[in-house]
Amino acid sequence: IDFSKAFDLVPHDRLLTKLAASGVDSTVVVWVREFLVGRTKRVRVRGQ
């Protein structure tokens, strides 16, 4: 198994579903959702 891109490729929806199914408290699932969902990114190329 190649985990080299694991940090980049984990889909948030499936991760949250698995986390909820694992039996952790729902407040933890909500907290993790808030940690992951709504993030954005941008890149700078030649100053732009």
ModelCIF file with pLDDT and N, C-alpha, C, O atoms, coordinates in Angstrom:
data_MODEL
#
_entry.id   MODEL 
#
_entity.id                         1 
_entity.type                       polymer 
_entity.pdbx_number_of_molecules   1 
#
_entity_poly.entity_id                      1 
_entity_poly.type                           'polypeptide(L)' 
_entity_poly.nstd_linkage                   no 
_entity_poly.nstd_monomer                   no 
_entity_poly.pdbx_seq_one_letter_code       IDFSKAFDLVPHDRLLTKLAASGVDSTVVVWVREFLVGRTKRVRVRGQ 
_entity_poly.pdbx_seq_one_letter_code_can   IDFSKAFDLVPHDRLLTKLAASGVDSTVVVWVREFLVGRTKRVRVRGQ 
_entity_poly.pdbx_strand_id                 A 
#
loop_
_entity_poly_seq.entity_id 
_entity_poly_seq.num 
_entity_poly_seq.mon_id 
_entity_poly_seq.hetero 
1 1  ILE n 
1 2  ASP n 
1 3  PHE n 
1 4  SER n 
1 5  LYS n 
1 6  ALA n 
1 7  PHE n 
1 8  ASP n 
1 9  LEU n 
1 10 VAL n 
1 11 PRO n 
1 12 HIS n 
1 13 ASP n 
1 14 ARG n 
1 15 LEU n 
1 16 LEU n 
1 17 THR n 
1 18 LYS n 
1 19 LEU n 
1 20 ALA n 
1 21 ALA n 
1 22 SER n 
1 23 GLY n 
1 24 VAL n 
1 25 ASP n 
1 26 SER n 
1 27 THR n 
1 28 VAL n 
1 29 VAL n 
1 30 VAL n 
1 31 TRP n 
1 32 VAL n 
1 33 ARG n 
1 34 GLU n 
1 35 PHE n 
1 36 LEU n 
1 37 VAL n 
1 38 GLY n 
1 39 ARG n 
1 40 THR n 
1 41 LYS n 
1 42 ARG n 
1 43 VAL n 
1 44 ARG n 
1 45 VAL n 
1 46 ARG n 
1 47 GLY n 
1 48 GLN n 
#
_struct_asym.id          A 
_struct_asym.entity_id   1 
#
loop_
_ma_qa_metric.id 
_ma_qa_metric.mode 
_ma_qa_metric.name 
_ma_qa_metric.software_group_id 
_ma_qa_metric.type 
1 global pLDDT . pLDDT 
2 local  pLDDT . pLDDT 
#
_ma_qa_metric_global.metric_id      1 
_ma_qa_metric_global.metric_value   91.52 
_ma_qa_metric_global.model_id       1 
_ma_qa_metric_global.ordinal_id     1 
#
loop_
_ma_qa_metric_local.label_asym_id 
_ma_qa_metric_local.label_comp_id 
_ma_qa_metric_local.label_seq_id 
_ma_qa_metric_local.metric_id 
_ma_qa_metric_local.metric_value 
_ma_qa_metric_local.model_id 
_ma_qa_metric_local.ordinal_id 
A ILE 1  2 78.00 1 1  
A ASP 2  2 79.00 1 2  
A PHE 3  2 79.00 1 3  
A SER 4  2 78.00 1 4  
A LYS 5  2 84.00 1 5  
A ALA 6  2 83.00 1 6  
A PHE 7  2 87.00 1 7  
A ASP 8  2 90.00 1 8  
A LEU 9  2 89.00 1 9  
A VAL 10 2 91.00 1 10 
A PRO 11 2 93.00 1 11 
A HIS 12 2 94.00 1 12 
A ASP 13 2 94.00 1 13 
A ARG 14 2 93.00 1 14 
A LEU 15 2 94.00 1 15 
A LEU 16 2 95.00 1 16 
A THR 17 2 94.00 1 17 
A LYS 18 2 93.00 1 18 
A LEU 19 2 94.00 1 19 
A ALA 20 2 94.00 1 20 
A ALA 21 2 92.00 1 21 
A SER 22 2 90.00 1 22 
A GLY 23 2 91.00 1 23 
A VAL 24 2 91.00 1 24 
A ASP 25 2 95.00 1 25 
A SER 26 2 95.00 1 26 
A THR 27 2 96.00 1 27 
A VAL 28 2 95.00 1 28 
A VAL 29 2 96.00 1 29 
A VAL 30 2 97.00 1 30 
A TRP 31 2 95.00 1 31 
A VAL 32 2 95.00 1 32 
A ARG 33 2 95.00 1 33 
A GLU 34 2 94.00 1 34 
A PHE 35 2 93.00 1 35 
A LEU 36 2 93.00 1 36 
A VAL 37 2 90.00 1 37 
A GLY 38 2 90.00 1 38 
A ARG 39 2 91.00 1 39 
A THR 40 2 93.00 1 40 
A LYS 41 2 92.00 1 41 
A ARG 42 2 93.00 1 42 
A VAL 43 2 93.00 1 43 
A ARG 44 2 94.00 1 44 
A VAL 45 2 94.00 1 45 
A ARG 46 2 95.00 1 46 
A GLY 47 2 94.00 1 47 
A GLN 48 2 95.00 1 48 
#
loop_
_atom_site.group_PDB 
_atom_site.id 
_atom_site.type_symbol 
_atom_site.label_atom_id 
_atom_site.label_alt_id 
_atom_site.label_comp_id 
_atom_site.label_asym_id 
_atom_site.label_entity_id 
_atom_site.label_seq_id 
_atom_site.pdbx_PDB_ins_code 
_atom_site.Cartn_x 
_atom_site.Cartn_y 
_atom_site.Cartn_z 
_atom_site.occupancy 
_atom_site.B_iso_or_equiv 
_atom_site.pdbx_formal_charge 
_atom_site.auth_seq_id 
_atom_site.auth_comp_id 
_atom_site.auth_asym_id 
_atom_site.auth_atom_id 
_atom_site.pdbx_PDB_model_num 
ATOM 1   N N  . ILE A 1 1  ? 0.843   -1.180 0.000   1.00 78.00 ? 1  ILE A N  1 
ATOM 2   C CA . ILE A 1 1  ? 0.000   0.000  0.000   1.00 78.00 ? 1  ILE A CA 1 
ATOM 3   C C  . ILE A 1 1  ? 0.884   1.238  0.000   1.00 78.00 ? 1  ILE A C  1 
ATOM 4   O O  . ILE A 1 1  ? 1.804   1.360  0.809   1.00 78.00 ? 1  ILE A O  1 
ATOM 5   N N  . ASP A 1 2  ? 0.601   2.132  -0.896  1.00 79.00 ? 2  ASP A N  1 
ATOM 6   C CA . ASP A 1 2  ? 1.365   3.373  -1.007  1.00 79.00 ? 2  ASP A CA 1 
ATOM 7   C C  . ASP A 1 2  ? 0.606   4.486  -0.286  1.00 79.00 ? 2  ASP A C  1 
ATOM 8   O O  . ASP A 1 2  ? -0.448  4.930  -0.742  1.00 79.00 ? 2  ASP A O  1 
ATOM 9   N N  . PHE A 1 3  ? 1.150   4.923  0.831   1.00 79.00 ? 3  PHE A N  1 
ATOM 10  C CA . PHE A 1 3  ? 0.536   5.985  1.615   1.00 79.00 ? 3  PHE A CA 1 
ATOM 11  C C  . PHE A 1 3  ? 1.199   7.339  1.358   1.00 79.00 ? 3  PHE A C  1 
ATOM 12  O O  . PHE A 1 3  ? 0.997   8.277  2.129   1.00 79.00 ? 3  PHE A O  1 
ATOM 13  N N  . SER A 1 4  ? 1.974   7.450  0.302   1.00 78.00 ? 4  SER A N  1 
ATOM 14  C CA . SER A 1 4  ? 2.756   8.669  0.088   1.00 78.00 ? 4  SER A CA 1 
ATOM 15  C C  . SER A 1 4  ? 1.898   9.921  -0.080  1.00 78.00 ? 4  SER A C  1 
ATOM 16  O O  . SER A 1 4  ? 2.356   11.016 0.246   1.00 78.00 ? 4  SER A O  1 
ATOM 17  N N  . LYS A 1 5  ? 0.696   9.795  -0.568  1.00 84.00 ? 5  LYS A N  1 
ATOM 18  C CA . LYS A 1 5  ? -0.182  10.961 -0.740  1.00 84.00 ? 5  LYS A CA 1 
ATOM 19  C C  . LYS A 1 5  ? -1.380  10.916 0.202   1.00 84.00 ? 5  LYS A C  1 
ATOM 20  O O  . LYS A 1 5  ? -2.374  11.608 -0.015  1.00 84.00 ? 5  LYS A O  1 
ATOM 21  N N  . ALA A 1 6  ? -1.282  10.103 1.244   1.00 83.00 ? 6  ALA A N  1 
ATOM 22  C CA . ALA A 1 6  ? -2.422  9.902  2.137   1.00 83.00 ? 6  ALA A CA 1 
ATOM 23  C C  . ALA A 1 6  ? -2.937  11.204 2.729   1.00 83.00 ? 6  ALA A C  1 
ATOM 24  O O  . ALA A 1 6  ? -4.148  11.408 2.808   1.00 83.00 ? 6  ALA A O  1 
ATOM 25  N N  . PHE A 1 7  ? -2.047  12.079 3.143   1.00 87.00 ? 7  PHE A N  1 
ATOM 26  C CA . PHE A 1 7  ? -2.487  13.325 3.761   1.00 87.00 ? 7  PHE A CA 1 
ATOM 27  C C  . PHE A 1 7  ? -3.244  14.207 2.783   1.00 87.00 ? 7  PHE A C  1 
ATOM 28  O O  . PHE A 1 7  ? -4.064  15.026 3.199   1.00 87.00 ? 7  PHE A O  1 
ATOM 29  N N  . ASP A 1 8  ? -2.982  14.053 1.486   1.00 90.00 ? 8  ASP A N  1 
ATOM 30  C CA . ASP A 1 8  ? -3.626  14.893 0.474   1.00 90.00 ? 8  ASP A CA 1 
ATOM 31  C C  . ASP A 1 8  ? -4.929  14.323 -0.064  1.00 90.00 ? 8  ASP A C  1 
ATOM 32  O O  . ASP A 1 8  ? -5.772  15.081 -0.544  1.00 90.00 ? 8  ASP A O  1 
ATOM 33  N N  . LEU A 1 9  ? -5.117  13.025 0.002   1.00 89.00 ? 9  LEU A N  1 
ATOM 34  C CA . LEU A 1 9  ? -6.194  12.383 -0.747  1.00 89.00 ? 9  LEU A CA 1 
ATOM 35  C C  . LEU A 1 9  ? -7.374  11.874 0.074   1.00 89.00 ? 9  LEU A C  1 
ATOM 36  O O  . LEU A 1 9  ? -8.346  11.390 -0.506  1.00 89.00 ? 9  LEU A O  1 
ATOM 37  N N  . VAL A 1 10 ? -7.328  11.963 1.375   1.00 91.00 ? 10 VAL A N  1 
ATOM 38  C CA . VAL A 1 10 ? -8.428  11.452 2.193   1.00 91.00 ? 10 VAL A CA 1 
ATOM 39  C C  . VAL A 1 10 ? -9.663  12.337 1.996   1.00 91.00 ? 10 VAL A C  1 
ATOM 40  O O  . VAL A 1 10 ? -9.638  13.518 2.343   1.00 91.00 ? 10 VAL A O  1 
ATOM 41  N N  . PRO A 1 11 ? -10.755 11.769 1.434   1.00 93.00 ? 11 PRO A N  1 
ATOM 42  C CA . PRO A 1 11 ? -11.972 12.577 1.242   1.00 93.00 ? 11 PRO A CA 1 
ATOM 43  C C  . PRO A 1 11 ? -12.639 12.885 2.588   1.00 93.00 ? 11 PRO A C  1 
ATOM 44  O O  . PRO A 1 11 ? -12.877 11.979 3.387   1.00 93.00 ? 11 PRO A O  1 
ATOM 45  N N  . HIS A 1 12 ? -12.931 14.138 2.831   1.00 94.00 ? 12 HIS A N  1 
ATOM 46  C CA . HIS A 1 12 ? -13.492 14.546 4.118   1.00 94.00 ? 12 HIS A CA 1 
ATOM 47  C C  . HIS A 1 12 ? -14.785 13.831 4.455   1.00 94.00 ? 12 HIS A C  1 
ATOM 48  O O  . HIS A 1 12 ? -14.969 13.395 5.592   1.00 94.00 ? 12 HIS A O  1 
ATOM 49  N N  . ASP A 1 13 ? -15.690 13.701 3.487   1.00 94.00 ? 13 ASP A N  1 
ATOM 50  C CA . ASP A 1 13 ? -16.992 13.088 3.775   1.00 94.00 ? 13 ASP A CA 1 
ATOM 51  C C  . ASP A 1 13 ? -16.836 11.634 4.227   1.00 94.00 ? 13 ASP A C  1 
ATOM 52  O O  . ASP A 1 13 ? -17.478 11.212 5.189   1.00 94.00 ? 13 ASP A O  1 
ATOM 53  N N  . ARG A 1 14 ? -15.992 10.873 3.540   1.00 93.00 ? 14 ARG A N  1 
ATOM 54  C CA . ARG A 1 14 ? -15.799 9.464  3.923   1.00 93.00 ? 14 ARG A CA 1 
ATOM 55  C C  . ARG A 1 14 ? -15.089 9.351  5.265   1.00 93.00 ? 14 ARG A C  1 
ATOM 56  O O  . ARG A 1 14 ? -15.418 8.480  6.071   1.00 93.00 ? 14 ARG A O  1 
ATOM 57  N N  . LEU A 1 15 ? -14.113 10.229 5.510   1.00 94.00 ? 15 LEU A N  1 
ATOM 58  C CA . LEU A 1 15 ? -13.405 10.219 6.791   1.00 94.00 ? 15 LEU A CA 1 
ATOM 59  C C  . LEU A 1 15 ? -14.371 10.497 7.938   1.00 94.00 ? 15 LEU A C  1 
ATOM 60  O O  . LEU A 1 15 ? -14.342 9.804  8.956   1.00 94.00 ? 15 LEU A O  1 
ATOM 61  N N  . LEU A 1 16 ? -15.222 11.499 7.782   1.00 95.00 ? 16 LEU A N  1 
ATOM 62  C CA . LEU A 1 16 ? -16.176 11.833 8.838   1.00 95.00 ? 16 LEU A CA 1 
ATOM 63  C C  . LEU A 1 16 ? -17.181 10.711 9.057   1.00 95.00 ? 16 LEU A C  1 
ATOM 64  O O  . LEU A 1 16 ? -17.577 10.448 10.192  1.00 95.00 ? 16 LEU A O  1 
ATOM 65  N N  . THR A 1 17 ? -17.597 10.044 7.978   1.00 94.00 ? 17 THR A N  1 
ATOM 66  C CA . THR A 1 17 ? -18.503 8.900  8.108   1.00 94.00 ? 17 THR A CA 1 
ATOM 67  C C  . THR A 1 17 ? -17.833 7.777  8.893   1.00 94.00 ? 17 THR A C  1 
ATOM 68  O O  . THR A 1 17 ? -18.446 7.184  9.780   1.00 94.00 ? 17 THR A O  1 
ATOM 69  N N  . LYS A 1 18 ? -16.578 7.486  8.567   1.00 93.00 ? 18 LYS A N  1 
ATOM 70  C CA . LYS A 1 18 ? -15.851 6.430  9.281   1.00 93.00 ? 18 LYS A CA 1 
ATOM 71  C C  . LYS A 1 18 ? -15.635 6.807  10.741  1.00 93.00 ? 18 LYS A C  1 
ATOM 72  O O  . LYS A 1 18 ? -15.738 5.961  11.630  1.00 93.00 ? 18 LYS A O  1 
ATOM 73  N N  . LEU A 1 19 ? -15.337 8.072  10.984  1.00 94.00 ? 19 LEU A N  1 
ATOM 74  C CA . LEU A 1 19 ? -15.127 8.518  12.359  1.00 94.00 ? 19 LEU A CA 1 
ATOM 75  C C  . LEU A 1 19 ? -16.402 8.351  13.167  1.00 94.00 ? 19 LEU A C  1 
ATOM 76  O O  . LEU A 1 19 ? -16.355 7.871  14.300  1.00 94.00 ? 19 LEU A O  1 
ATOM 77  N N  . ALA A 1 20 ? -17.538 8.738  12.606  1.00 94.00 ? 20 ALA A N  1 
ATOM 78  C CA . ALA A 1 20 ? -18.819 8.595  13.300  1.00 94.00 ? 20 ALA A CA 1 
ATOM 79  C C  . ALA A 1 20 ? -19.145 7.131  13.542  1.00 94.00 ? 20 ALA A C  1 
ATOM 80  O O  . ALA A 1 20 ? -19.647 6.772  14.608  1.00 94.00 ? 20 ALA A O  1 
ATOM 81  N N  . ALA A 1 21 ? -18.860 6.275  12.552  1.00 92.00 ? 21 ALA A N  1 
ATOM 82  C CA . ALA A 1 21 ? -19.152 4.845  12.675  1.00 92.00 ? 21 ALA A CA 1 
ATOM 83  C C  . ALA A 1 21 ? -18.231 4.152  13.673  1.00 92.00 ? 21 ALA A C  1 
ATOM 84  O O  . ALA A 1 21 ? -18.544 3.062  14.152  1.00 92.00 ? 21 ALA A O  1 
ATOM 85  N N  . SER A 1 22 ? -17.112 4.768  13.987  1.00 90.00 ? 22 SER A N  1 
ATOM 86  C CA . SER A 1 22 ? -16.156 4.135  14.907  1.00 90.00 ? 22 SER A CA 1 
ATOM 87  C C  . SER A 1 22 ? -16.607 4.210  16.359  1.00 90.00 ? 22 SER A C  1 
ATOM 88  O O  . SER A 1 22 ? -16.032 3.559  17.232  1.00 90.00 ? 22 SER A O  1 
ATOM 89  N N  . GLY A 1 23 ? -17.638 5.008  16.611  1.00 91.00 ? 23 GLY A N  1 
ATOM 90  C CA . GLY A 1 23 ? -18.186 5.067  17.960  1.00 91.00 ? 23 GLY A CA 1 
ATOM 91  C C  . GLY A 1 23 ? -17.695 6.237  18.793  1.00 91.00 ? 23 GLY A C  1 
ATOM 92  O O  . GLY A 1 23 ? -18.036 6.325  19.973  1.00 91.00 ? 23 GLY A O  1 
ATOM 93  N N  . VAL A 1 24 ? -16.910 7.134  18.225  1.00 91.00 ? 24 VAL A N  1 
ATOM 94  C CA . VAL A 1 24 ? -16.476 8.291  19.004  1.00 91.00 ? 24 VAL A CA 1 
ATOM 95  C C  . VAL A 1 24 ? -17.676 9.207  19.245  1.00 91.00 ? 24 VAL A C  1 
ATOM 96  O O  . VAL A 1 24 ? -18.650 9.196  18.492  1.00 91.00 ? 24 VAL A O  1 
ATOM 97  N N  . ASP A 1 25 ? -17.582 9.978  20.284  1.00 95.00 ? 25 ASP A N  1 
ATOM 98  C CA . ASP A 1 25 ? -18.651 10.891 20.660  1.00 95.00 ? 25 ASP A CA 1 
ATOM 99  C C  . ASP A 1 25 ? -18.968 11.840 19.503  1.00 95.00 ? 25 ASP A C  1 
ATOM 100 O O  . ASP A 1 25 ? -18.066 12.287 18.794  1.00 95.00 ? 25 ASP A O  1 
ATOM 101 N N  . SER A 1 26 ? -20.242 12.141 19.319  1.00 95.00 ? 26 SER A N  1 
ATOM 102 C CA . SER A 1 26 ? -20.659 12.981 18.199  1.00 95.00 ? 26 SER A CA 1 
ATOM 103 C C  . SER A 1 26 ? -20.063 14.384 18.278  1.00 95.00 ? 26 SER A C  1 
ATOM 104 O O  . SER A 1 26 ? -19.862 15.023 17.245  1.00 95.00 ? 26 SER A O  1 
ATOM 105 N N  . THR A 1 27 ? -19.780 14.871 19.477  1.00 96.00 ? 27 THR A N  1 
ATOM 106 C CA . THR A 1 27 ? -19.161 16.195 19.591  1.00 96.00 ? 27 THR A CA 1 
ATOM 107 C C  . THR A 1 27 ? -17.745 16.189 19.015  1.00 96.00 ? 27 THR A C  1 
ATOM 108 O O  . THR A 1 27 ? -17.282 17.206 18.497  1.00 96.00 ? 27 THR A O  1 
ATOM 109 N N  . VAL A 1 28 ? -17.065 15.060 19.103  1.00 95.00 ? 28 VAL A N  1 
ATOM 110 C CA . VAL A 1 28 ? -15.727 14.937 18.504  1.00 95.00 ? 28 VAL A CA 1 
ATOM 111 C C  . VAL A 1 28 ? -15.845 14.966 16.988  1.00 95.00 ? 28 VAL A C  1 
ATOM 112 O O  . VAL A 1 28 ? -15.045 15.613 16.311  1.00 95.00 ? 28 VAL A O  1 
ATOM 113 N N  . VAL A 1 29 ? -16.848 14.260 16.451  1.00 96.00 ? 29 VAL A N  1 
ATOM 114 C CA . VAL A 1 29 ? -17.058 14.251 15.001  1.00 96.00 ? 29 VAL A CA 1 
ATOM 115 C C  . VAL A 1 29 ? -17.343 15.679 14.514  1.00 96.00 ? 29 VAL A C  1 
ATOM 116 O O  . VAL A 1 29 ? -16.806 16.099 13.489  1.00 96.00 ? 29 VAL A O  1 
ATOM 117 N N  . VAL A 1 30 ? -18.171 16.413 15.232  1.00 97.00 ? 30 VAL A N  1 
ATOM 118 C CA . VAL A 1 30 ? -18.475 17.795 14.859  1.00 97.00 ? 30 VAL A CA 1 
ATOM 119 C C  . VAL A 1 30 ? -17.207 18.643 14.922  1.00 97.00 ? 30 VAL A C  1 
ATOM 120 O O  . VAL A 1 30 ? -16.960 19.456 14.031  1.00 97.00 ? 30 VAL A O  1 
ATOM 121 N N  . TRP A 1 31 ? -16.415 18.461 15.953  1.00 95.00 ? 31 TRP A N  1 
ATOM 122 C CA . TRP A 1 31 ? -15.176 19.226 16.096  1.00 95.00 ? 31 TRP A CA 1 
ATOM 123 C C  . TRP A 1 31 ? -14.228 18.945 14.929  1.00 95.00 ? 31 TRP A C  1 
ATOM 124 O O  . TRP A 1 31 ? -13.649 19.871 14.362  1.00 95.00 ? 31 TRP A O  1 
ATOM 125 N N  . VAL A 1 32 ? -14.069 17.660 14.567  1.00 95.00 ? 32 VAL A N  1 
ATOM 126 C CA . VAL A 1 32 ? -13.200 17.297 13.444  1.00 95.00 ? 32 VAL A CA 1 
ATOM 127 C C  . VAL A 1 32 ? -13.762 17.868 12.148  1.00 95.00 ? 32 VAL A C  1 
ATOM 128 O O  . VAL A 1 32 ? -13.010 18.345 11.298  1.00 95.00 ? 32 VAL A O  1 
ATOM 129 N N  . ARG A 1 33 ? -15.079 17.819 11.996  1.00 95.00 ? 33 ARG A N  1 
ATOM 130 C CA . ARG A 1 33 ? -15.702 18.398 10.799  1.00 95.00 ? 33 ARG A CA 1 
ATOM 131 C C  . ARG A 1 33 ? -15.354 19.881 10.696  1.00 95.00 ? 33 ARG A C  1 
ATOM 132 O O  . ARG A 1 33 ? -14.973 20.355 9.626   1.00 95.00 ? 33 ARG A O  1 
ATOM 133 N N  . GLU A 1 34 ? -15.483 20.608 11.792  1.00 94.00 ? 34 GLU A N  1 
ATOM 134 C CA . GLU A 1 34 ? -15.155 22.035 11.792  1.00 94.00 ? 34 GLU A CA 1 
ATOM 135 C C  . GLU A 1 34 ? -13.673 22.267 11.488  1.00 94.00 ? 34 GLU A C  1 
ATOM 136 O O  . GLU A 1 34 ? -13.305 23.270 10.876  1.00 94.00 ? 34 GLU A O  1 
ATOM 137 N N  . PHE A 1 35 ? -12.835 21.333 11.919  1.00 93.00 ? 35 PHE A N  1 
ATOM 138 C CA . PHE A 1 35 ? -11.393 21.416 11.666  1.00 93.00 ? 35 PHE A CA 1 
ATOM 139 C C  . PHE A 1 35 ? -11.078 21.240 10.185  1.00 93.00 ? 35 PHE A C  1 
ATOM 140 O O  . PHE A 1 35 ? -10.160 21.880 9.673   1.00 93.00 ? 35 PHE A O  1 
ATOM 141 N N  . LEU A 1 36 ? -11.820 20.387 9.491   1.00 93.00 ? 36 LEU A N  1 
ATOM 142 C CA . LEU A 1 36 ? -11.532 20.046 8.095   1.00 93.00 ? 36 LEU A CA 1 
ATOM 143 C C  . LEU A 1 36 ? -12.319 20.842 7.072   1.00 93.00 ? 36 LEU A C  1 
ATOM 144 O O  . LEU A 1 36 ? -11.755 21.310 6.083   1.00 93.00 ? 36 LEU A O  1 
ATOM 145 N N  . VAL A 1 37 ? -13.600 21.000 7.294   1.00 90.00 ? 37 VAL A N  1 
ATOM 146 C CA . VAL A 1 37 ? -14.491 21.553 6.282   1.00 90.00 ? 37 VAL A CA 1 
ATOM 147 C C  . VAL A 1 37 ? -14.368 23.080 6.232   1.00 90.00 ? 37 VAL A C  1 
ATOM 148 O O  . VAL A 1 37 ? -14.248 23.752 7.256   1.00 90.00 ? 37 VAL A O  1 
ATOM 149 N N  . GLY A 1 38 ? -14.401 23.596 5.009   1.00 90.00 ? 38 GLY A N  1 
ATOM 150 C CA . GLY A 1 38 ? -14.354 25.034 4.827   1.00 90.00 ? 38 GLY A CA 1 
ATOM 151 C C  . GLY A 1 38 ? -12.953 25.583 4.597   1.00 90.00 ? 38 GLY A C  1 
ATOM 152 O O  . GLY A 1 38 ? -12.778 26.792 4.449   1.00 90.00 ? 38 GLY A O  1 
ATOM 153 N N  . ARG A 1 39 ? -11.966 24.715 4.565   1.00 91.00 ? 39 ARG A N  1 
ATOM 154 C CA . ARG A 1 39 ? -10.594 25.165 4.296   1.00 91.00 ? 39 ARG A CA 1 
ATOM 155 C C  . ARG A 1 39 ? -10.461 25.520 2.820   1.00 91.00 ? 39 ARG A C  1 
ATOM 156 O O  . ARG A 1 39 ? -11.130 24.950 1.958   1.00 91.00 ? 39 ARG A O  1 
ATOM 157 N N  . THR A 1 40 ? -9.584  26.472 2.559   1.00 93.00 ? 40 THR A N  1 
ATOM 158 C CA . THR A 1 40 ? -9.291  26.862 1.186   1.00 93.00 ? 40 THR A CA 1 
ATOM 159 C C  . THR A 1 40 ? -7.784  26.924 1.008   1.00 93.00 ? 40 THR A C  1 
ATOM 160 O O  . THR A 1 40 ? -7.026  26.915 1.978   1.00 93.00 ? 40 THR A O  1 
ATOM 161 N N  . LYS A 1 41 ? -7.369  26.986 -0.241  1.00 92.00 ? 41 LYS A N  1 
ATOM 162 C CA . LYS A 1 41 ? -5.942  27.155 -0.521  1.00 92.00 ? 41 LYS A CA 1 
ATOM 163 C C  . LYS A 1 41 ? -5.789  28.030 -1.746  1.00 92.00 ? 41 LYS A C  1 
ATOM 164 O O  . LYS A 1 41 ? -6.699  28.154 -2.564  1.00 92.00 ? 41 LYS A O  1 
ATOM 165 N N  . ARG A 1 42 ? -4.604  28.641 -1.855  1.00 93.00 ? 42 ARG A N  1 
ATOM 166 C CA . ARG A 1 42 ? -4.231  29.409 -3.023  1.00 93.00 ? 42 ARG A CA 1 
ATOM 167 C C  . ARG A 1 42 ? -2.724  29.277 -3.182  1.00 93.00 ? 42 ARG A C  1 
ATOM 168 O O  . ARG A 1 42 ? -2.004  28.971 -2.232  1.00 93.00 ? 42 ARG A O  1 
ATOM 169 N N  . VAL A 1 43 ? -2.273  29.509 -4.382  1.00 93.00 ? 43 VAL A N  1 
ATOM 170 C CA . VAL A 1 43 ? -0.839  29.407 -4.648  1.00 93.00 ? 43 VAL A CA 1 
ATOM 171 C C  . VAL A 1 43 ? -0.342  30.726 -5.241  1.00 93.00 ? 43 VAL A C  1 
ATOM 172 O O  . VAL A 1 43 ? -1.102  31.490 -5.836  1.00 93.00 ? 43 VAL A O  1 
ATOM 173 N N  . ARG A 1 44 ? 0.930   30.960 -5.064  1.00 94.00 ? 44 ARG A N  1 
ATOM 174 C CA . ARG A 1 44 ? 1.553   32.144 -5.619  1.00 94.00 ? 44 ARG A CA 1 
ATOM 175 C C  . ARG A 1 44 ? 2.528   31.692 -6.704  1.00 94.00 ? 44 ARG A C  1 
ATOM 176 O O  . ARG A 1 44 ? 3.430   30.896 -6.442  1.00 94.00 ? 44 ARG A O  1 
ATOM 177 N N  . VAL A 1 45 ? 2.345   32.199 -7.915  1.00 94.00 ? 45 VAL A N  1 
ATOM 178 C CA . VAL A 1 45 ? 3.229   31.895 -9.033  1.00 94.00 ? 45 VAL A CA 1 
ATOM 179 C C  . VAL A 1 45 ? 3.731   33.221 -9.596  1.00 94.00 ? 45 VAL A C  1 
ATOM 180 O O  . VAL A 1 45 ? 2.947   34.066 -10.026 1.00 94.00 ? 45 VAL A O  1 
ATOM 181 N N  . ARG A 1 46 ? 5.036   33.385 -9.585  1.00 95.00 ? 46 ARG A N  1 
ATOM 182 C CA . ARG A 1 46 ? 5.661   34.628 -10.071 1.00 95.00 ? 46 ARG A CA 1 
ATOM 183 C C  . ARG A 1 46 ? 5.011   35.877 -9.481  1.00 95.00 ? 46 ARG A C  1 
ATOM 184 O O  . ARG A 1 46 ? 4.755   36.860 -10.177 1.00 95.00 ? 46 ARG A O  1 
ATOM 185 N N  . GLY A 1 47 ? 4.757   35.808 -8.193  1.00 94.00 ? 47 GLY A N  1 
ATOM 186 C CA . GLY A 1 47 ? 4.202   36.965 -7.503  1.00 94.00 ? 47 GLY A CA 1 
ATOM 187 C C  . GLY A 1 47 ? 2.695   37.121 -7.615  1.00 94.00 ? 47 GLY A C  1 
ATOM 188 O O  . GLY A 1 47 ? 2.116   37.968 -6.936  1.00 94.00 ? 47 GLY A O  1 
ATOM 189 N N  . GLN A 1 48 ? 2.051   36.329 -8.453  1.00 95.00 ? 48 GLN A N  1 
ATOM 190 C CA . GLN A 1 48 ? 0.593   36.413 -8.635  1.00 95.00 ? 48 GLN A CA 1 
ATOM 191 C C  . GLN A 1 48 ? -0.098  35.354 -7.780  1.00 95.00 ? 48 GLN A C  1 
ATOM 192 O O  . GLN A 1 48 ? -1.326  35.257 -7.790  1.00 95.00 ? 48 GLN A O  1 
#
